[in-house]
Amino acid sequence: MKLLQIINDKFNKEKKIISLFREKGALSVELAKDIRDIGEVNRSVFNKLYSKGVLERGGGETFFLNEQGFMKHRMDRIKWAMILMFTILAILILISRS
């Protein structure tokens, strides 16, 4: 149960950062905002989103939300969740046949 709480907390922190960028209108290179203008963000989550291409540098110390990168990040997460789900299902089927 603790693992689910950790995962949920991580997703909530990501959603908070995404929401902050949307609220501030930082959605393109031209509209990129200084990270200090975005608000309080969890630095490790910010760095992860940046490394995944969800957040991109607009120039200097400005950043913006790359909506296409965000959608790819979400689809990758869904893909891995489905792989995990089907793996667990296959293991349960094999166990039940034994």
Protein backbone atom coordinates (compact mmCIF):
# COMPACT_ATOMS: atom_id res chain seq x y z
CA MET A 1 0.00 0.00 0.00
CA LYS A 2 2.90 2.34 0.75
CA LEU A 3 4.20 1.86 -2.80
CA LEU A 4 0.88 3.06 -4.22
CA GLN A 5 1.06 6.15 -1.98
CA ILE A 6 4.58 6.92 -3.22
CA ILE A 7 3.50 6.54 -6.85
CA ASN A 8 0.42 8.71 -6.25
CA ASP A 9 2.53 11.42 -4.59
CA LYS A 10 4.92 11.41 -7.54
CA PHE A 11 2.06 11.75 -10.04
CA ASN A 12 0.53 14.58 -7.99
CA LYS A 13 3.83 16.45 -7.95
CA GLU A 14 4.10 16.10 -11.73
CA LYS A 15 0.50 17.28 -12.19
CA LYS A 16 1.19 20.29 -9.98
CA ILE A 17 4.16 21.38 -12.10
CA ILE A 18 2.22 20.83 -15.36
CA SER A 19 -0.68 22.88 -13.96
CA LEU A 20 1.62 25.71 -12.88
CA PHE A 21 3.11 25.98 -16.38
CA ARG A 22 -0.37 25.98 -17.92
CA GLU A 23 -1.68 28.57 -15.46
CA LYS A 24 1.26 30.87 -16.21
CA GLY A 25 0.76 30.39 -19.96
CA ALA A 26 4.28 29.01 -20.49
CA LEU A 27 3.27 26.85 -23.45
CA SER A 28 5.75 27.81 -26.18
CA VAL A 29 9.26 29.18 -26.68
CA GLU A 30 7.81 32.67 -27.10
CA LEU A 31 5.80 32.38 -23.86
CA ALA A 32 8.51 30.65 -21.80
CA LYS A 33 8.77 31.82 -18.20
CA ASP A 34 11.59 32.07 -15.72
CA ILE A 35 11.35 29.17 -13.30
CA ARG A 36 11.13 31.66 -10.41
CA ASP A 37 7.97 33.09 -12.02
CA ILE A 38 6.33 29.66 -12.21
CA GLY A 39 6.22 29.15 -8.46
CA GLU A 40 7.40 26.57 -5.96
CA VAL A 41 8.32 23.36 -7.78
CA ASN A 42 9.90 20.12 -6.63
CA ARG A 43 13.35 20.32 -8.23
CA SER A 44 13.82 16.56 -8.74
CA VAL A 45 10.40 16.22 -10.41
CA PHE A 46 11.12 19.31 -12.53
CA ASN A 47 14.46 17.81 -13.64
CA LYS A 48 12.77 14.51 -14.54
CA LEU A 49 10.11 16.27 -16.61
CA TYR A 50 12.85 18.32 -18.29
CA SER A 51 14.89 15.20 -19.12
CA LYS A 52 11.77 13.51 -20.56
CA GLY A 53 11.08 16.47 -22.88
CA VAL A 54 7.90 17.53 -21.07
CA LEU A 55 9.52 20.81 -20.08
CA GLU A 56 11.89 22.55 -22.46
CA ARG A 57 14.25 25.46 -22.21
CA GLY A 58 13.00 28.60 -23.91
CA GLY A 59 16.31 30.40 -23.73
CA GLY A 60 18.41 31.48 -20.80
CA GLU A 61 16.69 30.43 -17.59
CA THR A 62 13.20 30.26 -19.10
CA PHE A 63 11.18 27.09 -19.57
CA PHE A 64 7.89 26.08 -21.15
CA LEU A 65 5.55 23.10 -21.22
CA ASN A 66 5.89 21.03 -24.38
CA GLU A 67 2.38 19.58 -24.77
CA GLN A 68 3.56 16.99 -27.32
CA GLY A 69 6.32 15.90 -24.94
CA PHE A 70 3.75 15.69 -22.14
CA MET A 71 1.46 13.48 -24.24
CA LYS A 72 4.38 11.20 -25.16
CA HIS A 73 5.31 10.97 -21.46
CA ARG A 74 1.72 10.01 -20.59
CA MET A 75 1.53 7.42 -23.37
CA ASP A 76 4.85 5.89 -22.26
CA ARG A 77 3.54 5.66 -18.71
CA ILE A 78 0.33 3.98 -19.90
CA LYS A 79 2.32 1.60 -22.09
CA TRP A 80 4.49 0.46 -19.17
CA ALA A 81 1.48 0.14 -16.88
CA MET A 82 -0.21 -2.12 -19.43
CA ILE A 83 2.95 -4.21 -19.87
CA LEU A 84 3.13 -4.64 -16.11
CA MET A 85 -0.56 -5.50 -15.89
CA PHE A 86 -0.35 -8.14 -18.64
CA THR A 87 2.83 -9.60 -17.13
CA ILE A 88 1.10 -9.99 -13.77
CA LEU A 89 -1.94 -11.49 -15.50
CA ALA A 90 0.26 -13.99 -17.38
CA ILE A 91 2.01 -15.00 -14.16
CA LEU A 92 -1.36 -15.48 -12.41
CA ILE A 93 -2.60 -17.64 -15.29
CA LEU A 94 0.55 -19.77 -15.18
CA ILE A 95 0.25 -20.17 -11.42
CA SER A 96 -3.41 -21.16 -11.63
CA ARG A 97 -2.62 -23.85 -14.22
CA SER A 98 0.01 -25.44 -12.00
